[in-house]
C-alpha atoms as a PDB file:
ATOM      1  CA  GLU A   1     -18.365  43.131-100.789  1.00  0.00           C
ATOM      2  CA  ALA A   2     -16.408  45.339-102.681  1.00  0.00           C
ATOM      3  CA  TRP A   3     -13.646  48.770-102.306  1.00  0.00           C
ATOM      4  CA  MET A   4     -12.459  50.738-104.367  1.00  0.00           C
ATOM      5  CA  ASP A   5     -10.027  53.289-104.337  1.00  0.00           C
ATOM      6  CA  VAL A   6      -9.541  56.576-106.541  1.00  0.00           C
ATOM      7  CA  SER A   7      -7.386  54.883-109.344  1.00  0.00           C
ATOM      8  CA  GLY A   8     -10.449  52.675-109.952  1.00  0.00           C
ATOM      9  CA  THR A   9      -8.690  49.466-108.675  1.00  0.00           C
ATOM     10  CA  ALA A  10     -11.010  47.303-106.795  1.00  0.00           C
ATOM     11  CA  ILE A  11     -11.093  44.584-104.370  1.00  0.00           C
ATOM     12  CA  VAL A  12     -13.962  42.241-103.668  1.00  0.00           C
ATOM     13  CA  VAL A  13     -14.239  39.364-100.634  1.00  0.00           C
ATOM     14  CA  GLY A  14     -16.124  36.613-100.408  1.00  0.00           C
ATOM     15  CA  GLU A  15     -16.725  32.872 -99.561  1.00  0.00           C
ATOM     16  CA  LEU A  16     -13.823  30.247 -98.930  1.00  0.00           C
ATOM     17  CA  GLY A  17     -11.467  33.509 -98.080  1.00  0.00           C
ATOM     18  CA  THR A  18     -11.741  34.638-101.598  1.00  0.00           C
ATOM     19  CA  VAL A  19      -9.901  37.994-102.503  1.00  0.00           C
ATOM     20  CA  MET A  20     -10.144  39.444-106.171  1.00  0.00           C
ATOM     21  CA  ARG A  21      -8.065  42.381-107.260  1.00  0.00           C
ATOM     22  CA  TYR A  22      -9.712  44.285-110.010  1.00  0.00           C
ATOM     23  CA  GLU A  23      -6.861  46.209-112.014  1.00  0.00           C
ATOM     24  CA  ASN A  24      -6.630  47.501-115.683  1.00  0.00           C
ATOM     25  CA  GLY A  25      -9.486  45.621-117.027  1.00  0.00           C
ATOM     26  CA  ALA A  26      -8.445  42.295-115.222  1.00  0.00           C
ATOM     27  CA  TRP A  27      -9.340  40.231-112.417  1.00  0.00           C
ATOM     28  CA  SER A  28      -6.596  38.751-110.424  1.00  0.00           C
ATOM     29  CA  PRO A  29      -6.787  36.397-106.876  1.00  0.00           C
ATOM     30  CA  MET A  30      -4.902  37.773-104.055  1.00  0.00           C
ATOM     31  CA  SER A  31      -4.530  35.071-101.487  1.00  0.00           C
ATOM     32  CA  PRO A  32      -4.871  36.010 -97.840  1.00  0.00           C
ATOM     33  CA  GLY A  33      -3.227  32.811 -96.435  1.00  0.00           C
ATOM     34  CA  SER A  34      -4.711  29.581 -95.705  1.00  0.00           C
ATOM     35  CA  THR A  35      -8.222  30.761 -94.583  1.00  0.00           C
ATOM     36  CA  THR A  36     -11.754  29.160 -95.751  1.00  0.00           C
ATOM     37  CA  GLN A  37     -13.459  31.230 -93.491  1.00  0.00           C
ATOM     38  CA  GLU A  38     -16.079  33.706 -95.471  1.00  0.00           C
ATOM     39  CA  LEU A  39     -14.840  37.134 -95.694  1.00  0.00           C
ATOM     40  CA  LEU A  40     -17.958  39.640 -95.267  1.00  0.00           C
ATOM     41  CA  SER A  41     -16.415  43.250 -95.940  1.00  0.00           C
ATOM     42  CA  VAL A  42     -13.174  44.996 -97.373  1.00  0.00           C
ATOM     43  CA  TRP A  43     -12.067  48.912 -96.599  1.00  0.00           C
ATOM     44  CA  GLY A  44      -8.833  50.573 -97.261  1.00  0.00           C
ATOM     45  CA  SER A  45      -7.399  54.272 -96.861  1.00  0.00           C
ATOM     46  CA  SER A  46      -5.152  53.185 -99.735  1.00  0.00           C
ATOM     47  CA  LEU A  47      -3.690  50.389-102.313  1.00  0.00           C
ATOM     48  CA  SER A  48      -1.141  49.754 -99.600  1.00  0.00           C
ATOM     49  CA  ASP A  49      -3.404  49.671 -96.512  1.00  0.00           C
ATOM     50  CA  VAL A  50      -6.485  47.566 -96.817  1.00  0.00           C
ATOM     51  CA  TYR A  51      -8.421  45.623 -94.577  1.00  0.00           C
ATOM     52  CA  VAL A  52     -10.519  42.249 -95.099  1.00  0.00           C
ATOM     53  CA  VAL A  53     -12.527  40.940 -92.243  1.00  0.00           C
ATOM     54  CA  GLY A  54     -15.188  37.974 -91.775  1.00  0.00           C
ATOM     55  CA  ARG A  55     -16.447  34.870 -90.183  1.00  0.00           C
ATOM     56  CA  GLN A  56     -14.809  33.142 -86.838  1.00  0.00           C
ATOM     57  CA  SER A  57     -12.540  36.599 -86.065  1.00  0.00           C
ATOM     58  CA  THR A  58     -11.085  36.383 -89.406  1.00  0.00           C
ATOM     59  CA  ALA A  59      -9.347  39.402 -90.260  1.00  0.00           C
ATOM     60  CA  PHE A  60      -6.182  40.618 -92.198  1.00  0.00           C
ATOM     61  CA  HIS A  61      -3.978  43.431 -93.344  1.00  0.00           C
ATOM     62  CA  TRP A  62      -2.770  44.310 -96.825  1.00  0.00           C
ATOM     63  CA  ILE A  63       0.048  46.336 -96.179  1.00  0.00           C
ATOM     64  CA  GLY A  64       0.870  46.786-100.098  1.00  0.00           C
ATOM     65  CA  THR A  65       2.903  43.362-100.659  1.00  0.00           C
ATOM     66  CA  GLN A  66       1.016  40.909 -98.477  1.00  0.00           C
ATOM     67  CA  TYR A  67      -1.935  40.147 -95.892  1.00  0.00           C
ATOM     68  CA  LYS A  68      -0.659  40.096 -92.594  1.00  0.00           C
ATOM     69  CA  PRO A  69      -3.296  38.265 -90.132  1.00  0.00           C
ATOM     70  CA  VAL A  70      -4.554  40.841 -87.556  1.00  0.00           C
ATOM     71  CA  THR A  71      -5.975  40.076 -84.079  1.00  0.00           C
ATOM     72  CA  ILE A  72      -8.738  42.250 -83.362  1.00  0.00           C
ATOM     73  CA  ASP A  73     -10.128  40.680 -79.693  1.00  0.00           C
ATOM     74  CA  PRO A  74      -8.865  37.339 -78.750  1.00  0.00           C
ATOM     75  CA  ALA A  75     -10.936  37.381 -75.822  1.00  0.00           C
ATOM     76  CA  ILE A  76     -14.260  35.923 -77.745  1.00  0.00           C
ATOM     77  CA  LEU A  77     -14.845  34.426 -81.239  1.00  0.00           C
ATOM     78  CA  GLN A  78     -16.799  37.053 -83.230  1.00  0.00           C
ATOM     79  CA  ASN A  79     -17.838  37.120 -87.020  1.00  0.00           C
ATOM     80  CA  PHE A  80     -16.501  40.432 -88.249  1.00  0.00           C
ATOM     81  CA  HIS A  81     -19.595  41.795 -90.470  1.00  0.00           C
ATOM     82  CA  THR A  82     -17.932  45.242 -91.500  1.00  0.00           C
ATOM     83  CA  VAL A  83     -15.099  47.223 -91.569  1.00  0.00           C
ATOM     84  CA  ASN A  84     -14.757  51.207 -92.382  1.00  0.00           C
ATOM     85  CA  GLY A  85     -12.699  54.045 -91.439  1.00  0.00           C
ATOM     86  CA  THR A  86     -11.297  57.583 -92.048  1.00  0.00           C
ATOM     87  CA  GLY A  87      -7.643  56.864 -92.761  1.00  0.00           C
ATOM     88  CA  ALA A  88      -4.673  54.341 -91.972  1.00  0.00           C
ATOM     89  CA  ASP A  89      -4.987  55.268 -88.083  1.00  0.00           C
ATOM     90  CA  ASP A  90      -8.785  55.406 -88.011  1.00  0.00           C
ATOM     91  CA  VAL A  91     -10.240  51.935 -88.523  1.00  0.00           C
ATOM     92  CA  TYR A  92     -13.499  50.945 -87.098  1.00  0.00           C
ATOM     93  CA  VAL A  93     -14.609  46.835 -86.990  1.00  0.00           C
ATOM     94  CA  GLY A  94     -18.228  46.065 -86.431  1.00  0.00           C
ATOM     95  CA  SER A  95     -18.890  42.289 -84.876  1.00  0.00           C
ATOM     96  CA  GLU A  96     -21.527  39.717 -84.071  1.00  0.00           C
ATOM     97  CA  LEU A  97     -20.482  37.938 -80.749  1.00  0.00           C
ATOM     98  CA  ILE A  98     -20.417  34.091 -81.176  1.00  0.00           C
ATOM     99  CA  SER A  99     -19.708  31.159 -78.550  1.00  0.00           C
ATOM    100  CA  ALA A 100     -18.088  28.069 -79.747  1.00  0.00           C
ATOM    101  CA  PRO A 101     -20.409  26.048 -81.296  1.00  0.00           C
ATOM    102  CA  PRO A 102     -22.092  23.401 -79.007  1.00  0.00           C
ATOM    103  CA  MET A 103     -24.082  21.393 -81.382  1.00  0.00           C
ATOM    104  CA  GLY A 104     -22.257  22.607 -84.763  1.00  0.00           C
ATOM    105  CA  ASN A 105     -23.994  25.883 -84.870  1.00  0.00           C
ATOM    106  CA  PRO A 106     -22.648  29.349 -82.745  1.00  0.00           C
ATOM    107  CA  ALA A 107     -24.676  31.099 -80.874  1.00  0.00           C
ATOM    108  CA  HIS A 108     -25.760  34.378 -81.245  1.00  0.00           C
ATOM    109  CA  GLY A 109     -24.572  36.661 -78.935  1.00  0.00           C
ATOM    110  CA  GLY A 110     -24.766  40.893 -78.825  1.00  0.00           C
ATOM    111  CA  GLY A 111     -21.773  42.786 -81.006  1.00  0.00           C
ATOM    112  CA  LYS A 112     -19.051  45.026 -80.550  1.00  0.00           C
ATOM    113  CA  ILE A 113     -17.610  48.122 -82.672  1.00  0.00           C
ATOM    114  CA  HIS A 114     -13.389  47.833 -82.453  1.00  0.00           C
ATOM    115  CA  HIS A 115     -11.512  50.874 -83.264  1.00  0.00           C
ATOM    116  CA  TRP A 116      -8.009  50.643 -84.835  1.00  0.00           C
ATOM    117  CA  ASP A 117      -5.858  53.822 -83.730  1.00  0.00           C
ATOM    118  CA  GLY A 118      -2.301  53.479 -85.735  1.00  0.00           C
ATOM    119  CA  ASP A 119      -0.999  51.401 -82.490  1.00  0.00           C
ATOM    120  CA  GLN A 120      -3.657  48.941 -81.102  1.00  0.00           C
ATOM    121  CA  TRP A 121      -7.380  47.748 -81.355  1.00  0.00           C
ATOM    122  CA  THR A 122      -9.787  48.922 -78.484  1.00  0.00           C
ATOM    123  CA  PRO A 123     -13.185  48.161 -78.299  1.00  0.00           C
ATOM    124  CA  LEU A 124     -15.482  51.189 -78.329  1.00  0.00           C
ATOM    125  CA  TYR A 125     -19.197  49.826 -77.779  1.00  0.00           C
ATOM    126  CA  PHE A 126     -20.421  46.848 -76.505  1.00  0.00           C
ATOM    127  CA  ASP A 127     -23.936  45.478 -77.029  1.00  0.00           C
ATOM    128  CA  PRO A 128     -25.049  42.442 -75.083  1.00  0.00           C
ATOM    129  CA  ILE A 129     -28.148  41.637 -77.468  1.00  0.00           C
ATOM    130  CA  HIS A 130     -27.819  43.560 -80.868  1.00  0.00           C
ATOM    131  CA  GLU A 131     -24.909  42.283 -83.541  1.00  0.00           C
ATOM    132  CA  LEU A 132     -23.431  45.340 -85.653  1.00  0.00           C
ATOM    133  CA  LEU A 133     -23.617  44.388 -89.205  1.00  0.00           C
ATOM    134  CA  SER A 134     -22.227  47.918 -90.785  1.00  0.00           C
ATOM    135  CA  ILE A 135     -20.494  50.833 -90.082  1.00  0.00           C
ATOM    136  CA  TRP A 136     -19.952  54.148 -91.950  1.00  0.00           C
ATOM    137  CA  ARG A 137     -17.483  56.698 -91.237  1.00  0.00           C
ATOM    138  CA  HIS A 138     -17.018  60.594 -92.670  1.00  0.00           C
ATOM    139  CA  GLY A 139     -14.541  62.916 -90.936  1.00  0.00           C
ATOM    140  CA  GLN A 140     -15.601  62.579 -87.248  1.00  0.00           C
ATOM    141  CA  ALA A 141     -19.197  61.338 -87.203  1.00  0.00           C
ATOM    142  CA  GLY A 142     -20.389  57.871 -87.925  1.00  0.00           C
ATOM    143  CA  PHE A 143     -22.977  55.403 -87.983  1.00  0.00           C
ATOM    144  CA  ALA A 144     -23.578  51.817 -87.497  1.00  0.00           C
ATOM    145  CA  THR A 145     -26.222  49.470 -87.783  1.00  0.00           C
ATOM    146  CA  GLY A 146     -27.550  46.275 -87.130  1.00  0.00           C
ATOM    147  CA  ASP A 147     -30.275  43.687 -85.844  1.00  0.00           C
ATOM    148  CA  SER A 148     -33.690  44.466 -83.802  1.00  0.00           C
ATOM    149  CA  ASN A 149     -33.831  47.895 -85.254  1.00  0.00           C
ATOM    150  CA  SER A 150     -30.031  48.757 -84.252  1.00  0.00           C
ATOM    151  CA  LEU A 151     -29.187  52.152 -85.739  1.00  0.00           C
ATOM    152  CA  LEU A 152     -26.276  54.020 -83.786  1.00  0.00           C
ATOM    153  CA  ARG A 153     -24.725  56.981 -83.939  1.00  0.00           C
ATOM    154  CA  ASP A 154     -21.474  58.990 -83.492  1.00  0.00           C
ATOM    155  CA  PRO A 155     -22.060  62.479 -83.807  1.00  0.00           C
ATOM    156  CA  ALA A 156     -19.149  64.141 -82.402  1.00  0.00           C
ATOM    157  CA  GLY A 157     -16.230  61.703 -82.869  1.00  0.00           C
ATOM    158  CA  ASP A 158     -15.431  61.289 -79.545  1.00  0.00           C
ATOM    159  CA  ASP A 159     -16.122  57.707 -79.876  1.00  0.00           C
ATOM    160  CA  GLY A 160     -19.318  58.443 -78.088  1.00  0.00           C
ATOM    161  CA  TRP A 161     -21.826  55.559 -79.686  1.00  0.00           C
ATOM    162  CA  ALA A 162     -25.235  55.445 -78.613  1.00  0.00           C
ATOM    163  CA  ARG A 163     -28.385  54.113 -80.201  1.00  0.00           C
ATOM    164  CA  VAL A 164     -30.922  55.900 -81.888  1.00  0.00           C
ATOM    165  CA  TRP A 165     -34.300  55.779 -80.643  1.00  0.00           C
ATOM    166  CA  ASP A 166     -36.190  57.846 -82.605  1.00  0.00           C
ATOM    167  CA  VAL A 167     -36.560  55.886 -86.071  1.00  0.00           C
ATOM    168  CA  ASP A 168     -39.834  54.705 -86.859  1.00  0.00           C
ATOM    169  CA  GLY A 169     -40.373  52.076 -89.779  1.00  0.00           C
ATOM    170  CA  LEU A 170     -36.855  50.719 -89.341  1.00  0.00           C
ATOM    171  CA  PRO A 171     -36.641  47.116 -90.525  1.00  0.00           C
ATOM    172  CA  PHE A 172     -35.911  44.174 -88.177  1.00  0.00           C
ATOM    173  CA  TYR A 173     -32.048  43.898 -89.653  1.00  0.00           C
ATOM    174  CA  VAL A 174     -30.636  47.358 -91.177  1.00  0.00           C
ATOM    175  CA  ASN A 175     -27.850  45.112 -92.830  1.00  0.00           C
ATOM    176  CA  SER A 176     -26.083  48.722 -94.507  1.00  0.00           C
ATOM    177  CA  VAL A 177     -25.625  52.309 -94.100  1.00  0.00           C
END
């Protein structure tokens, strides 16, 4: 996934904890630390406020000079599939809940939406069955998508996320919004 600020500087994330920055016509690596987890999403409010998230509860916050590890929800292991927001104090992370691997592969267990308000991470929405694959915010409204025809809407900005049930022809996995 990629994120770009208004100046044209881009940050992309991927396998083995890869973070790359494109600036002034050249790519350069940005190390978030010793992680080898796949990073799945990146979003920032500015070049000094960028979040990258990924598998196995991996999350980092770029503060302009370095990446700092972020603990979003220490109670359960999750794959953080998506990050988006409207500002430094309005960040959303969507996840797939996973359990400890009994025989090597994590088991699927639903999804959550987490919110950063500038002070703390708070769970806003929990679905015991459907994982959350993407989140999009604009102003006070937002949408989120997931598996099993999951489409959520937060129309009022009051963190009232709810499933949208009246969409015909939605595919099983709705990967992006």
